[in-house]
Amino acid sequence: MAEVTVIGEDLSGLGWTLKSLIDANLSNPDLRERLRKLQGTLVVKETSADVSVTLFFDKGDLRIKEGDGSRPSAHLEAGFEELAEVASGQVGPIRALLTRRIKAGGNLLKLLRMAEVIISKKAD
């Protein structure tokens, strides 16, 4: 079974939370197959604590590192509550973007594909 590899010494609470969610989600064979098709980087920033992590997607290999990566394919930022609502599946990522609960940039299609690996369950 695939799992997320940590780059560096340690991760913040945001990093460990995302790693745990992704590791659990990768028990789903459909998600593992989608992961094999993804390539790029995603920066996730939690604004209330000013903490960020970078996820590196490389066709089946997924790594996570503390801090902002340079020139990510996509990025998103939100407060803790908003990130938790999206990651838990309470609010869908498209709805969160449209209602401005989260801010995003870069390649939004790639962002949504990468988010599928993180989100616990489908919302809307």
C-alpha atoms as a PDB file:
ATOM      1  CA  MET A   1       0.000   0.000   0.000  1.00  0.00           C
ATOM      2  CA  ALA A   2       1.225   3.504  -0.853  1.00  0.00           C
ATOM      3  CA  GLU A   3       1.938   6.028   1.842  1.00  0.00           C
ATOM      4  CA  VAL A   4       3.231   9.564   2.130  1.00  0.00           C
ATOM      5  CA  THR A   5       6.986  10.009   2.654  1.00  0.00           C
ATOM      6  CA  VAL A   6       8.107  12.858   4.919  1.00  0.00           C
ATOM      7  CA  ILE A   7      10.982  14.999   3.655  1.00  0.00           C
ATOM      8  CA  GLY A   8      13.126  16.557   6.356  1.00  0.00           C
ATOM      9  CA  GLU A   9      13.164  16.346  10.112  1.00  0.00           C
ATOM     10  CA  ASP A  10       9.598  16.944  11.179  1.00  0.00           C
ATOM     11  CA  LEU A  11       6.200  18.311  10.217  1.00  0.00           C
ATOM     12  CA  SER A  12       3.827  20.756  11.857  1.00  0.00           C
ATOM     13  CA  GLY A  13       0.383  19.700  13.040  1.00  0.00           C
ATOM     14  CA  LEU A  14      -0.953  20.636   9.603  1.00  0.00           C
ATOM     15  CA  GLY A  15       1.585  18.376   7.919  1.00  0.00           C
ATOM     16  CA  TRP A  16       0.868  15.401  10.186  1.00  0.00           C
ATOM     17  CA  THR A  17      -2.874  15.888   9.790  1.00  0.00           C
ATOM     18  CA  LEU A  18      -2.632  15.912   5.992  1.00  0.00           C
ATOM     19  CA  LYS A  19      -0.270  12.921   6.023  1.00  0.00           C
ATOM     20  CA  SER A  20      -2.669  10.938   8.228  1.00  0.00           C
ATOM     21  CA  LEU A  21      -5.668  11.749   6.030  1.00  0.00           C
ATOM     22  CA  ILE A  22      -3.824  10.833   2.850  1.00  0.00           C
ATOM     23  CA  ASP A  23      -2.383   7.607   4.283  1.00  0.00           C
ATOM     24  CA  ALA A  24      -5.897   6.523   5.315  1.00  0.00           C
ATOM     25  CA  ASN A  25      -7.382   7.485   1.948  1.00  0.00           C
ATOM     26  CA  LEU A  26      -4.735   5.539   0.039  1.00  0.00           C
ATOM     27  CA  SER A  27      -6.268   2.295   1.285  1.00  0.00           C
ATOM     28  CA  ASN A  28      -8.784   2.948  -1.520  1.00  0.00           C
ATOM     29  CA  PRO A  29      -7.484   1.305  -4.738  1.00  0.00           C
ATOM     30  CA  ASP A  30      -9.262   3.903  -6.930  1.00  0.00           C
ATOM     31  CA  LEU A  31      -7.399   6.736  -5.213  1.00  0.00           C
ATOM     32  CA  ARG A  32      -4.079   4.909  -5.535  1.00  0.00           C
ATOM     33  CA  GLU A  33      -4.752   4.588  -9.261  1.00  0.00           C
ATOM     34  CA  ARG A  34      -5.543   8.322  -9.551  1.00  0.00           C
ATOM     35  CA  LEU A  35      -2.368   9.105  -7.624  1.00  0.00           C
ATOM     36  CA  ARG A  36      -0.334   7.269 -10.293  1.00  0.00           C
ATOM     37  CA  LYS A  37      -1.546   9.825 -12.856  1.00  0.00           C
ATOM     38  CA  LEU A  38      -0.719  12.951 -10.823  1.00  0.00           C
ATOM     39  CA  GLN A  39       2.425  14.999 -11.172  1.00  0.00           C
ATOM     40  CA  GLY A  40       3.042  18.421  -9.640  1.00  0.00           C
ATOM     41  CA  THR A  41       3.239  20.248  -6.338  1.00  0.00           C
ATOM     42  CA  LEU A  42       0.578  21.583  -4.017  1.00  0.00           C
ATOM     43  CA  VAL A  43       1.199  24.095  -1.240  1.00  0.00           C
ATOM     44  CA  VAL A  44      -1.378  24.132   1.568  1.00  0.00           C
ATOM     45  CA  LYS A  45      -1.253  27.126   3.925  1.00  0.00           C
ATOM     46  CA  GLU A  46      -3.167  27.411   7.181  1.00  0.00           C
ATOM     47  CA  THR A  47      -3.518  31.170   7.612  1.00  0.00           C
ATOM     48  CA  SER A  48      -4.421  31.514  11.292  1.00  0.00           C
ATOM     49  CA  ALA A  49      -1.150  29.876  12.412  1.00  0.00           C
ATOM     50  CA  ASP A  50       0.829  30.913   9.306  1.00  0.00           C
ATOM     51  CA  VAL A  51       1.931  27.332   8.684  1.00  0.00           C
ATOM     52  CA  SER A  52       2.351  25.712   5.283  1.00  0.00           C
ATOM     53  CA  VAL A  53       3.302  22.363   3.804  1.00  0.00           C
ATOM     54  CA  THR A  54       4.180  21.281   0.287  1.00  0.00           C
ATOM     55  CA  LEU A  55       2.939  18.037  -1.250  1.00  0.00           C
ATOM     56  CA  PHE A  56       4.960  16.592  -4.120  1.00  0.00           C
ATOM     57  CA  PHE A  57       2.978  14.314  -6.448  1.00  0.00           C
ATOM     58  CA  ASP A  58       5.139  12.238  -8.782  1.00  0.00           C
ATOM     59  CA  LYS A  59       3.122   9.550 -10.583  1.00  0.00           C
ATOM     60  CA  GLY A  60       2.382   7.332  -7.598  1.00  0.00           C
ATOM     61  CA  ASP A  61       5.017   8.715  -5.262  1.00  0.00           C
ATOM     62  CA  LEU A  62       3.784  11.273  -2.736  1.00  0.00           C
ATOM     63  CA  ARG A  63       6.086  13.257  -0.466  1.00  0.00           C
ATOM     64  CA  ILE A  64       5.357  16.011   2.047  1.00  0.00           C
ATOM     65  CA  LYS A  65       7.644  18.745   3.338  1.00  0.00           C
ATOM     66  CA  GLU A  66       7.230  21.554   5.834  1.00  0.00           C
ATOM     67  CA  GLY A  67       7.102  25.047   4.314  1.00  0.00           C
ATOM     68  CA  ASP A  68       6.325  26.589   0.944  1.00  0.00           C
ATOM     69  CA  GLY A  69       7.710  24.973  -2.162  1.00  0.00           C
ATOM     70  CA  SER A  70       8.996  27.178  -4.922  1.00  0.00           C
ATOM     71  CA  ARG A  71       6.719  27.577  -7.926  1.00  0.00           C
ATOM     72  CA  PRO A  72       3.984  25.070  -7.030  1.00  0.00           C
ATOM     73  CA  SER A  73       1.538  23.761  -9.618  1.00  0.00           C
ATOM     74  CA  ALA A  74      -1.268  24.929  -7.332  1.00  0.00           C
ATOM     75  CA  HIS A  75      -1.748  26.382  -3.883  1.00  0.00           C
ATOM     76  CA  LEU A  76      -4.551  26.877  -1.423  1.00  0.00           C
ATOM     77  CA  GLU A  77      -4.906  28.750   1.805  1.00  0.00           C
ATOM     78  CA  ALA A  78      -7.542  29.001   4.480  1.00  0.00           C
ATOM     79  CA  GLY A  79      -8.025  29.119   8.207  1.00  0.00           C
ATOM     80  CA  PHE A  80      -7.999  25.985  10.324  1.00  0.00           C
ATOM     81  CA  GLU A  81     -11.787  25.562  10.432  1.00  0.00           C
ATOM     82  CA  GLU A  82     -12.185  25.933   6.676  1.00  0.00           C
ATOM     83  CA  LEU A  83      -9.374  23.466   5.919  1.00  0.00           C
ATOM     84  CA  ALA A  84     -10.851  20.985   8.403  1.00  0.00           C
ATOM     85  CA  GLU A  85     -14.321  21.268   6.820  1.00  0.00           C
ATOM     86  CA  VAL A  86     -12.946  20.599   3.335  1.00  0.00           C
ATOM     87  CA  ALA A  87     -10.533  17.841   4.390  1.00  0.00           C
ATOM     88  CA  SER A  88     -13.249  16.033   6.353  1.00  0.00           C
ATOM     89  CA  GLY A  89     -15.670  16.235   3.437  1.00  0.00           C
ATOM     90  CA  GLN A  90     -18.196  18.453   5.239  1.00  0.00           C
ATOM     91  CA  VAL A  91     -17.802  21.073   2.497  1.00  0.00           C
ATOM     92  CA  GLY A  92     -16.818  20.204  -1.053  1.00  0.00           C
ATOM     93  CA  PRO A  93     -13.727  21.875  -2.490  1.00  0.00           C
ATOM     94  CA  ILE A  94     -15.637  23.543  -5.333  1.00  0.00           C
ATOM     95  CA  ARG A  95     -18.212  24.997  -2.958  1.00  0.00           C
ATOM     96  CA  ALA A  96     -15.414  26.171  -0.650  1.00  0.00           C
ATOM     97  CA  LEU A  97     -13.741  27.952  -3.570  1.00  0.00           C
ATOM     98  CA  LEU A  98     -16.960  29.536  -4.829  1.00  0.00           C
ATOM     99  CA  THR A  99     -17.972  30.757  -1.366  1.00  0.00           C
ATOM    100  CA  ARG A 100     -14.407  31.980  -0.759  1.00  0.00           C
ATOM    101  CA  ARG A 101     -13.908  29.835   2.327  1.00  0.00           C
ATOM    102  CA  ILE A 102     -10.592  28.905   0.792  1.00  0.00           C
ATOM    103  CA  LYS A 103      -8.328  30.816  -1.583  1.00  0.00           C
ATOM    104  CA  ALA A 104      -6.592  29.000  -4.382  1.00  0.00           C
ATOM    105  CA  GLY A 105      -4.277  29.700  -7.269  1.00  0.00           C
ATOM    106  CA  GLY A 106      -2.266  28.041  -9.963  1.00  0.00           C
ATOM    107  CA  ASN A 107      -3.684  25.185 -12.016  1.00  0.00           C
ATOM    108  CA  LEU A 108      -7.138  24.755 -10.461  1.00  0.00           C
ATOM    109  CA  LEU A 109      -7.945  21.554 -12.357  1.00  0.00           C
ATOM    110  CA  LYS A 110      -4.753  19.987 -11.032  1.00  0.00           C
ATOM    111  CA  LEU A 111      -5.588  21.338  -7.571  1.00  0.00           C
ATOM    112  CA  LEU A 112      -8.961  19.575  -7.590  1.00  0.00           C
ATOM    113  CA  ARG A 113      -7.358  16.315  -8.728  1.00  0.00           C
ATOM    114  CA  MET A 114      -4.739  16.549  -5.986  1.00  0.00           C
ATOM    115  CA  ALA A 115      -7.422  17.405  -3.420  1.00  0.00           C
ATOM    116  CA  GLU A 116      -9.222  14.128  -4.180  1.00  0.00           C
ATOM    117  CA  VAL A 117      -6.332  12.301  -2.526  1.00  0.00           C
ATOM    118  CA  ILE A 118      -6.589  14.443   0.625  1.00  0.00           C
ATOM    119  CA  ILE A 119     -10.353  14.712   1.183  1.00  0.00           C
ATOM    120  CA  SER A 120     -11.849  12.012   3.405  1.00  0.00           C
ATOM    121  CA  LYS A 121     -15.116  11.611   1.564  1.00  0.00           C
ATOM    122  CA  LYS A 122     -17.090  13.325  -1.133  1.00  0.00           C
ATOM    123  CA  ALA A 123     -19.326  16.177  -0.050  1.00  0.00           C
ATOM    124  CA  ASP A 124     -21.164  18.109  -2.756  1.00  0.00           C
END
